Amino acid sequence: MSRSAVRTPDAASDPNALRAGGALLQAQRDKSQAQLQQAQRLENLGQLAGGVAHDFNNLLAVILNYVTFASEELAAATDADWPARCESARSDLRQIKRAGERAASLTRQLLAFARREVIQPQVLDLDTVITAVEEMLRRTIGEHVELVFSLAGDLWPILADPGQLEQVLVNLALNARDAMPAGGTLTVDTSNITVDADTVAGGSKARQGQNIRLRVSDTGTGMAAEVIEHAFEPFYTTKEEGAGTGLGLATVYGIITQVDGHVKIYSEPGTGTTFTITFPVTTQAAVPQTAEVPYQRAPKGEMVLVVEDEPALREVTKRIFTRNGYQVITAANGPEALDIARDHPGEIHLLVTDVVMPHMLGKEVAEKILEIKPEIEVLFMSGYARPVLASQGRLEPGVALVEKPFSEADLMAKAGQVLNGHFQGFKTTGGDPD
């Protein structure tokens, strides 16, 4: 064969070269896509942080200024005007409490959106939940909106937290009310549906098999396609400044996703909006729900060990227990709590520990102290307990939790429930058995 007949491989026809080139192009595309997704995540994070900062700064401004007002009233009070100034200070304190409650509500919405809220699901009938919240929905939407229910009446059971489902219904009702300023009709309907393979292949995001469908429809102004695209994003809102936080639909999305459900929006400007939600049916048997056992007798000096790394909250918790008749020892972290438990000569009846702390998480603190004081009862407190207490956001059986921010009544009720019936007499206090 002559030299001129020898051919070198052509990159355009060499399979290896083609594969290498294709792999390179795919790698470049993947890198570009990853960079785009990262930029979108950062943009969403910035929007989230900005929205949180805006709302919390408003609440903090209210709290800080009303604290100043109350302090000035009390500092300037004289014997002659004490009643009037005292009442003015009380009014200021009520405003502070309301702002704190709104901040707590905002935090719960954020946790629900992020699917980080601890939930306590139960087997339930969705129609029963809707019926229970009907009166509240009517008060929420006002008399200018007609509320129509079309409930199946024979729904299959689902596994969900009833409180969260009520939150979904209220948020959707509020959204519908705002879309119908001149009045209209809000319709809530339920049904059993079966999602088959063809439905999934056709683009349905619902889980294949038996599902419950909830539809919430209004006759309001509707939404454009670009609005629907962003509707579930946190702090995205088309309402006027101060008319909404932009967390309502984000919260709805987080709650539904947390129970493996799916939500979609159908809407066009001028034709109203329909939210269609599907929940997978559960095979679990319904368990009768019993009311929490009340704490029947007053504390008689039970010893409580409070473990909390935030000094101010540690002092607040100690003060609540002390003023209600308990003895209290405190620790700033897990290792300190273990030292106290080892050295304490008498009984410690209740361990109240934060969940997320430096050095040692609350769950580990409880496990180690139970080895030292096997008879101790445990109450966790946290505003973000999921990483260490729950599986898939669900509170583990046998775990007692009081969620921050808690009130004195909340803490005492939960502590009473945990302790009730466990201690009939106390060596450390000399109390007589009931």
Protein backbone atom coordinates (compact mmCIF):
# COMPACT_ATOMS: atom_id res chain seq x y z
CA MET A 1 0.00 0.00 0.00
CA SER A 2 1.42 3.39 -0.94
CA ARG A 3 2.00 6.10 1.62
CA SER A 4 -0.75 8.18 -0.01
CA ALA A 5 -3.26 5.37 0.64
CA VAL A 6 -2.70 5.40 4.41
CA ARG A 7 -5.48 7.42 6.13
CA THR A 8 -5.28 8.93 9.58
CA PRO A 9 -8.41 8.75 11.74
CA ASP A 10 -10.84 11.61 11.18
CA ALA A 11 -12.16 13.07 14.43
CA ALA A 12 -15.54 13.45 12.78
CA SER A 13 -15.81 9.72 12.10
CA ASP A 14 -13.73 8.22 14.96
CA PRO A 15 -16.21 6.74 17.52
CA ASN A 16 -13.79 7.26 20.39
CA ALA A 17 -13.29 10.90 19.48
CA LEU A 18 -17.05 11.38 19.14
CA ARG A 19 -17.66 9.83 22.56
CA ALA A 20 -14.94 11.96 24.13
CA GLY A 21 -16.32 15.11 22.56
CA GLY A 22 -19.86 14.24 23.63
CA ALA A 23 -18.72 13.58 27.19
CA LEU A 24 -16.92 16.91 27.27
CA LEU A 25 -19.99 18.77 26.01
CA GLN A 26 -22.18 16.99 28.57
CA ALA A 27 -19.75 17.84 31.36
CA GLN A 28 -19.82 21.47 30.30
CA ARG A 29 -23.62 21.45 30.19
CA ASP A 30 -23.78 19.80 33.62
CA LYS A 31 -21.39 22.38 35.02
CA SER A 32 -23.41 25.25 33.55
CA GLN A 33 -26.63 23.74 34.90
CA ALA A 34 -25.10 23.31 38.37
CA GLN A 35 -23.91 26.93 38.33
CA LEU A 36 -27.36 28.10 37.27
CA GLN A 37 -29.04 26.06 40.03
CA GLN A 38 -26.57 27.41 42.58
CA ALA A 39 -27.29 30.97 41.45
CA GLN A 40 -31.04 30.31 41.73
CA ARG A 41 -30.58 28.83 45.22
CA LEU A 42 -28.60 31.87 46.29
CA GLU A 43 -31.25 34.18 44.82
CA ASN A 44 -34.01 32.29 46.66
CA LEU A 45 -31.97 32.34 49.86
CA GLY A 46 -31.49 36.08 49.52
CA GLN A 47 -35.22 36.55 48.97
CA LEU A 48 -35.98 34.37 52.00
CA ALA A 49 -33.45 36.16 54.22
CA GLY A 50 -34.73 39.55 53.09
CA GLY A 51 -38.33 38.59 53.78
CA VAL A 52 -37.51 37.18 57.22
CA ALA A 53 -35.43 40.24 58.10
CA HIS A 54 -38.20 42.59 56.94
CA ASP A 55 -40.95 40.91 58.95
CA PHE A 56 -38.89 40.31 62.07
CA ASN A 57 -37.46 43.83 62.04
CA ASN A 58 -41.02 45.18 61.97
CA LEU A 59 -41.94 43.04 64.97
CA LEU A 60 -38.75 43.91 66.83
CA ALA A 61 -39.39 47.61 66.24
CA VAL A 62 -42.81 47.21 67.84
CA ILE A 63 -41.41 45.25 70.80
CA LEU A 64 -38.44 47.54 71.48
CA ASN A 65 -40.47 50.74 71.29
CA TYR A 66 -43.31 49.48 73.46
CA VAL A 67 -40.74 48.33 76.04
CA THR A 68 -39.42 51.91 76.06
CA PHE A 69 -42.95 53.32 76.42
CA ALA A 70 -43.77 51.01 79.32
CA SER A 71 -40.47 51.72 81.08
CA GLU A 72 -40.95 55.48 80.75
CA GLU A 73 -44.50 55.30 82.11
CA LEU A 74 -43.40 53.35 85.18
CA ALA A 75 -40.30 55.49 85.77
CA ALA A 76 -42.34 58.71 85.65
CA ALA A 77 -45.19 57.41 87.80
CA THR A 78 -46.04 59.21 91.03
CA ASP A 79 -48.47 58.32 93.78
CA ALA A 80 -51.04 60.64 92.23
CA ASP A 81 -50.97 59.26 88.69
CA TRP A 82 -49.86 55.67 89.38
CA PRO A 83 -53.16 53.97 88.36
CA ALA A 84 -53.31 55.75 84.98
CA ARG A 85 -49.63 55.18 84.18
CA CYS A 86 -49.85 51.56 85.33
CA GLU A 87 -52.77 50.94 82.99
CA SER A 88 -50.89 52.59 80.14
CA ALA A 89 -47.90 50.31 80.81
CA ARG A 90 -50.21 47.28 80.85
CA SER A 91 -51.56 48.31 77.46
CA ASP A 92 -48.00 48.58 76.13
CA LEU A 93 -47.20 45.11 77.48
CA ARG A 94 -50.24 43.68 75.70
CA GLN A 95 -48.88 45.08 72.43
CA ILE A 96 -45.51 43.46 73.16
CA LYS A 97 -47.23 40.12 73.75
CA ARG A 98 -49.15 40.39 70.47
CA ALA A 99 -45.95 41.15 68.55
CA GLY A 100 -44.25 38.17 70.18
CA GLU A 101 -47.16 35.91 69.20
CA ARG A 102 -46.97 37.14 65.60
CA ALA A 103 -43.23 36.41 65.57
CA ALA A 104 -43.90 32.89 66.88
CA SER A 105 -46.51 32.38 64.17
CA LEU A 106 -44.06 33.54 61.50
CA THR A 107 -41.44 31.09 62.77
CA ARG A 108 -43.94 28.22 62.63
CA GLN A 109 -44.79 29.16 59.04
CA LEU A 110 -41.11 29.16 58.11
CA LEU A 111 -40.62 25.72 59.66
CA ALA A 112 -43.68 24.38 57.87
CA PHE A 113 -42.43 25.80 54.57
CA ALA A 114 -39.00 24.25 55.09
CA ARG A 115 -40.57 20.96 56.25
CA ARG A 116 -38.70 21.21 59.53
CA GLU A 117 -41.72 21.44 61.82
CA VAL A 118 -42.23 18.48 64.14
CA ILE A 119 -45.60 16.99 63.29
CA GLN A 120 -47.78 14.53 65.17
CA PRO A 121 -49.75 12.74 62.44
CA GLN A 122 -52.77 10.54 63.03
CA VAL A 123 -55.09 8.50 60.88
CA LEU A 124 -58.00 10.80 60.08
CA ASP A 125 -60.92 11.60 57.84
CA LEU A 126 -60.25 14.84 55.94
CA ASP A 127 -63.96 15.69 55.88
CA THR A 128 -63.96 15.67 59.70
CA VAL A 129 -61.08 18.17 59.76
CA ILE A 130 -62.86 20.43 57.28
CA THR A 131 -66.12 20.31 59.24
CA ALA A 132 -64.29 21.19 62.45
CA VAL A 133 -62.77 24.30 60.89
CA GLU A 134 -65.87 25.40 58.96
CA GLU A 135 -66.97 28.09 61.40
CA MET A 136 -63.47 29.57 61.58
CA LEU A 137 -63.32 29.67 57.77
CA ARG A 138 -66.62 31.55 57.61
CA ARG A 139 -65.34 34.13 60.09
CA THR A 140 -62.07 34.38 58.19
CA ILE A 141 -63.44 35.11 54.72
CA GLY A 142 -66.23 37.48 55.76
CA GLU A 143 -69.88 37.80 54.79
CA HIS A 144 -69.15 39.08 51.28
CA VAL A 145 -67.86 35.65 50.22
CA GLU A 146 -70.19 32.64 49.97
CA LEU A 147 -68.61 29.46 51.34
CA VAL A 148 -69.81 26.22 49.71
CA PHE A 149 -68.86 22.72 50.88
CA SER A 150 -69.20 19.60 48.76
CA LEU A 151 -67.76 16.82 50.90
CA ALA A 152 -67.64 13.19 49.82
CA GLY A 153 -68.68 11.80 53.20
CA ASP A 154 -66.98 8.43 52.67
CA LEU A 155 -63.34 9.39 52.32
CA TRP A 156 -60.53 6.91 52.65
CA PRO A 157 -58.24 7.58 55.65
CA ILE A 158 -55.04 9.61 55.39
CA LEU A 159 -52.11 10.07 57.78
CA ALA A 160 -51.59 13.73 58.63
CA ASP A 161 -51.38 16.28 61.41
CA PRO A 162 -54.90 17.76 61.79
CA GLY A 163 -53.53 21.10 62.98
CA GLN A 164 -51.43 21.42 59.85
CA LEU A 165 -54.38 20.56 57.61
CA GLU A 166 -56.39 23.29 59.32
CA GLN A 167 -53.51 25.67 58.59
CA VAL A 168 -53.63 24.69 54.90
CA LEU A 169 -57.37 25.36 54.73
CA VAL A 170 -57.13 28.72 56.49
CA ASN A 171 -54.22 29.90 54.33
CA LEU A 172 -56.03 28.95 51.12
CA ALA A 173 -59.22 30.63 52.37
CA LEU A 174 -57.33 33.83 53.16
CA ASN A 175 -55.72 33.76 49.72
CA ALA A 176 -59.13 33.29 48.09
CA ARG A 177 -60.72 36.07 50.15
CA ASP A 178 -58.03 38.52 49.06
CA ALA A 179 -58.62 37.52 45.42
CA MET A 180 -62.34 38.41 45.77
CA PRO A 181 -62.43 41.95 47.23
CA ALA A 182 -65.90 42.55 45.76
CA GLY A 183 -67.22 39.19 46.91
CA GLY A 184 -67.63 35.82 45.24
CA THR A 185 -67.81 32.11 46.01
CA LEU A 186 -65.28 29.87 47.73
CA THR A 187 -65.90 26.15 47.13
CA VAL A 188 -64.28 23.31 49.07
CA ASP A 189 -64.84 19.79 47.75
CA THR A 190 -63.35 16.36 48.53
CA SER A 191 -63.38 12.99 46.81
CA ASN A 192 -61.66 9.63 46.60
CA ILE A 193 -59.55 9.16 43.47
CA THR A 194 -57.30 6.43 42.10
CA VAL A 195 -54.18 7.52 40.26
CA ASP A 196 -53.14 4.93 37.68
CA ALA A 197 -49.95 4.49 35.67
CA ASP A 198 -51.40 6.32 32.66
CA THR A 199 -52.23 9.34 34.83
CA VAL A 200 -48.67 9.42 36.17
CA ALA A 201 -47.28 9.00 32.65
CA GLY A 202 -49.44 11.93 31.60
CA GLY A 203 -47.62 14.20 34.02
CA SER A 204 -49.51 13.83 37.30
CA LYS A 205 -47.27 14.30 40.34
CA ALA A 206 -49.69 12.49 42.67
CA ARG A 207 -48.59 9.17 44.10
CA GLN A 208 -49.89 6.20 42.11
CA GLY A 209 -52.73 4.33 43.81
CA GLN A 210 -55.51 5.47 46.13
CA ASN A 211 -55.57 9.17 47.02
CA ILE A 212 -57.83 11.75 48.58
CA ARG A 213 -58.44 14.88 46.51
CA LEU A 214 -59.13 18.27 48.07
CA ARG A 215 -60.05 21.18 45.82
CA VAL A 216 -60.34 24.78 46.98
CA SER A 217 -61.76 27.04 44.26
CA ASP A 218 -62.60 30.73 44.14
CA THR A 219 -64.25 33.03 41.63
CA GLY A 220 -61.67 35.77 42.11
CA THR A 221 -59.27 37.69 39.94
CA GLY A 222 -57.15 34.68 39.01
CA MET A 223 -53.41 34.50 38.39
CA ALA A 224 -51.25 34.88 35.33
CA ALA A 225 -48.88 32.08 34.35
CA GLU A 226 -45.81 33.96 35.63
CA VAL A 227 -47.48 34.43 39.01
CA ILE A 228 -48.39 30.72 39.27
CA GLU A 229 -44.77 29.86 38.51
CA HIS A 230 -43.60 31.70 41.67
CA ALA A 231 -46.69 31.27 43.85
CA PHE A 232 -45.15 28.77 46.27
CA GLU A 233 -41.90 30.68 46.75
CA PRO A 234 -41.42 32.18 50.23
CA PHE A 235 -42.13 35.91 50.54
CA TYR A 236 -43.36 36.11 46.95
CA THR A 237 -46.54 38.16 46.97
CA THR A 238 -48.51 40.32 44.55
CA LYS A 239 -50.31 42.09 47.41
CA GLU A 240 -49.62 45.64 48.46
CA GLU A 241 -46.88 46.36 50.99
CA GLY A 242 -48.05 45.27 54.44
CA ALA A 243 -51.03 43.29 53.11
CA GLY A 244 -49.36 39.89 53.28
CA THR A 245 -46.12 38.15 54.23
CA GLY A 246 -45.86 36.00 51.11
CA LEU A 247 -45.57 32.90 53.30
CA GLY A 248 -49.12 31.55 53.07
CA LEU A 249 -48.77 29.45 49.92
CA ALA A 250 -45.16 28.52 50.74
CA THR A 251 -46.46 27.13 54.04
CA VAL A 252 -49.21 25.21 52.23
CA TYR A 253 -46.63 23.69 49.90
CA GLY A 254 -44.32 22.69 52.75
CA ILE A 255 -47.09 21.04 54.79
CA ILE A 256 -48.49 19.08 51.85
CA THR A 257 -45.07 17.92 50.70
CA GLN A 258 -44.20 16.80 54.23
CA VAL A 259 -47.05 14.26 54.16
CA ASP A 260 -46.12 13.05 50.64
CA GLY A 261 -49.00 14.96 49.08
CA HIS A 262 -49.05 17.12 45.97
CA VAL A 263 -50.59 20.49 45.13
CA LYS A 264 -51.15 22.16 41.77
CA ILE A 265 -52.75 25.42 40.69
CA TYR A 266 -55.13 26.04 37.82
CA SER A 267 -55.88 29.71 37.22
CA GLU A 268 -56.35 32.30 34.54
CA PRO A 269 -56.81 36.05 34.95
CA GLY A 270 -60.47 36.84 35.45
CA THR A 271 -61.62 33.22 35.81
CA GLY A 272 -60.70 32.42 39.41
CA THR A 273 -58.29 29.89 40.87
CA THR A 274 -58.45 26.23 41.88
CA PHE A 275 -55.94 24.55 44.18
CA THR A 276 -56.01 20.76 43.74
CA ILE A 277 -54.36 18.80 46.53
CA THR A 278 -53.89 15.03 46.68
CA PHE A 279 -53.02 13.02 49.78
CA PRO A 280 -51.98 9.36 49.63
CA VAL A 281 -54.30 6.97 51.46
CA THR A 282 -52.83 5.24 54.51
CA THR A 283 -53.12 1.55 55.38
CA GLN A 284 -52.61 2.24 59.07
CA ALA A 285 -55.50 1.54 61.39
CA ALA A 286 -57.09 4.48 63.15
CA VAL A 287 -56.15 4.82 66.80
CA PRO A 288 -58.72 6.45 69.09
CA GLN A 289 -57.44 9.84 70.17
CA THR A 290 -57.61 10.44 73.90
CA ALA A 291 -57.32 13.78 75.60
CA GLU A 292 -54.08 14.56 77.36
CA VAL A 293 -54.16 13.50 81.00
CA PRO A 294 -54.34 16.63 83.14
CA TYR A 295 -51.92 17.13 85.99
CA GLN A 296 -54.25 16.52 88.90
CA ARG A 297 -52.24 17.67 91.91
CA ALA A 298 -50.16 20.71 92.66
CA PRO A 299 -46.36 20.33 92.67
CA LYS A 300 -44.85 19.44 96.03
CA GLY A 301 -41.30 20.51 95.42
CA GLU A 302 -40.21 18.01 92.77
CA MET A 303 -36.61 18.55 91.75
CA VAL A 304 -36.19 19.72 88.16
CA LEU A 305 -32.91 19.87 86.24
CA VAL A 306 -33.10 22.47 83.45
CA VAL A 307 -30.46 22.26 80.70
CA GLU A 308 -30.44 25.24 78.32
CA ASP A 309 -27.46 26.95 76.67
CA GLU A 310 -29.21 30.33 76.25
CA PRO A 311 -28.74 32.13 79.63
CA ALA A 312 -31.85 34.31 79.41
CA LEU A 313 -34.13 31.41 78.50
CA ARG A 314 -32.51 29.23 81.15
CA GLU A 315 -33.39 31.85 83.75
CA VAL A 316 -36.94 32.24 82.41
CA THR A 317 -37.49 28.47 82.56
CA LYS A 318 -36.08 28.29 86.10
CA ARG A 319 -38.29 31.15 87.20
CA ILE A 320 -41.43 29.51 85.78
CA PHE A 321 -40.75 26.25 87.60
CA THR A 322 -39.75 27.96 90.86
CA ARG A 323 -42.81 30.19 91.04
CA ASN A 324 -45.00 27.11 90.53
CA GLY A 325 -43.59 25.20 93.49
CA TYR A 326 -40.74 23.19 92.00
CA GLN A 327 -37.12 23.01 93.11
CA VAL A 328 -34.77 23.79 90.24
CA ILE A 329 -31.12 23.17 89.37
CA THR A 330 -29.77 24.52 86.07
CA ALA A 331 -26.98 23.61 83.69
CA ALA A 332 -25.67 25.49 80.66
CA ASN A 333 -24.78 22.39 78.65
CA GLY A 334 -24.76 18.61 78.61
CA PRO A 335 -21.42 17.92 80.35
CA GLU A 336 -22.36 20.30 83.18
CA ALA A 337 -25.74 18.56 83.54
CA LEU A 338 -24.05 15.15 83.81
CA ASP A 339 -21.76 16.44 86.57
CA ILE A 340 -24.77 17.80 88.46
CA ALA A 341 -26.68 14.52 88.09
CA ARG A 342 -23.71 12.52 89.41
CA ASP A 343 -23.11 14.81 92.39
CA HIS A 344 -26.72 15.43 93.40
CA PRO A 345 -27.39 13.26 96.48
CA GLY A 346 -31.17 13.10 96.23
CA GLU A 347 -33.77 12.48 93.59
CA ILE A 348 -34.10 14.47 90.39
CA HIS A 349 -37.64 13.94 89.21
CA LEU A 350 -37.66 15.75 85.90
CA LEU A 351 -35.04 16.61 83.28
CA VAL A 352 -36.05 19.53 81.05
CA THR A 353 -33.49 19.88 78.29
CA ASP A 354 -33.07 21.87 75.12
CA VAL A 355 -32.66 19.71 72.02
CA VAL A 356 -30.01 21.54 70.00
CA MET A 357 -27.02 22.64 72.09
CA PRO A 358 -23.25 22.83 71.63
CA HIS A 359 -21.06 20.07 73.12
CA MET A 360 -23.93 17.58 73.45
CA LEU A 361 -27.40 17.33 71.94
CA GLY A 362 -30.37 17.04 74.24
CA LYS A 363 -31.14 13.46 73.25
CA GLU A 364 -27.66 12.34 74.32
CA VAL A 365 -27.96 14.32 77.55
CA ALA A 366 -31.19 12.47 78.34
CA GLU A 367 -29.72 9.06 77.54
CA LYS A 368 -26.67 9.60 79.76
CA ILE A 369 -28.61 11.08 82.68
CA LEU A 370 -31.05 8.16 82.56
CA GLU A 371 -28.06 5.91 83.20
CA ILE A 372 -27.26 7.95 86.33
CA LYS A 373 -30.86 8.57 87.48
CA PRO A 374 -32.96 5.75 85.96
CA GLU A 375 -36.22 7.00 87.50
CA ILE A 376 -36.00 10.51 86.03
CA GLU A 377 -38.65 11.71 83.58
CA VAL A 378 -37.63 13.69 80.49
CA LEU A 379 -39.19 16.70 78.79
CA PHE A 380 -37.52 18.15 75.70
CA MET A 381 -37.93 21.78 74.66
CA SER A 382 -37.08 23.10 71.24
CA GLY A 383 -38.17 25.26 68.35
CA TYR A 384 -36.33 23.03 65.87
CA ALA A 385 -36.39 19.48 67.14
CA ARG A 386 -36.54 17.49 63.92
CA PRO A 387 -32.81 16.76 63.40
CA VAL A 388 -32.48 14.74 66.58
CA LEU A 389 -35.92 13.77 67.80
CA ALA A 390 -38.06 12.85 64.86
CA SER A 391 -38.17 10.55 61.88
CA GLN A 392 -39.46 12.28 58.73
CA GLY A 393 -40.61 15.18 60.87
CA ARG A 394 -42.80 12.98 63.09
CA LEU A 395 -42.40 12.95 66.83
CA GLU A 396 -41.10 9.59 68.03
CA PRO A 397 -43.36 7.56 70.35
CA GLY A 398 -42.84 8.26 74.03
CA VAL A 399 -41.08 11.60 73.47
CA ALA A 400 -42.48 14.59 75.37
CA LEU A 401 -41.77 17.93 73.73
CA VAL A 402 -42.75 21.50 74.54
CA GLU A 403 -42.16 23.73 71.53
CA LYS A 404 -40.51 27.13 71.77
CA PRO A 405 -41.61 29.78 72.24
CA PHE A 406 -43.69 28.36 75.08
CA SER A 407 -45.83 30.15 77.64
CA GLU A 408 -45.82 29.45 81.37
CA ALA A 409 -49.12 27.58 80.93
CA ASP A 410 -47.67 25.47 78.09
CA LEU A 411 -44.62 24.47 80.10
CA MET A 412 -46.54 23.71 83.30
CA ALA A 413 -49.16 21.66 81.46
CA LYS A 414 -46.55 19.55 79.68
CA ALA A 415 -44.41 19.10 82.81
CA GLY A 416 -47.52 18.10 84.74
CA GLN A 417 -48.48 15.59 82.07
CA VAL A 418 -45.02 14.01 82.14
CA LEU A 419 -44.84 13.83 85.94
CA ASN A 420 -48.46 12.96 86.70
CA GLY A 421 -48.76 9.67 88.58
CA HIS A 422 -45.03 8.96 88.65
CA PHE A 423 -44.18 10.31 92.09
CA GLN A 424 -46.35 9.68 95.12
CA GLY A 425 -43.89 10.93 97.72
CA PHE A 426 -40.57 12.74 97.75
CA LYS A 427 -37.57 11.86 99.83
CA THR A 428 -35.91 15.17 99.07
CA THR A 429 -38.85 17.31 100.15
CA GLY A 430 -40.58 15.30 102.84
CA GLY A 431 -43.92 15.56 101.05
CA ASP A 432 -46.66 13.15 102.06
CA PRO A 433 -48.10 10.86 99.40
CA ASP A 434 -51.47 11.82 97.96
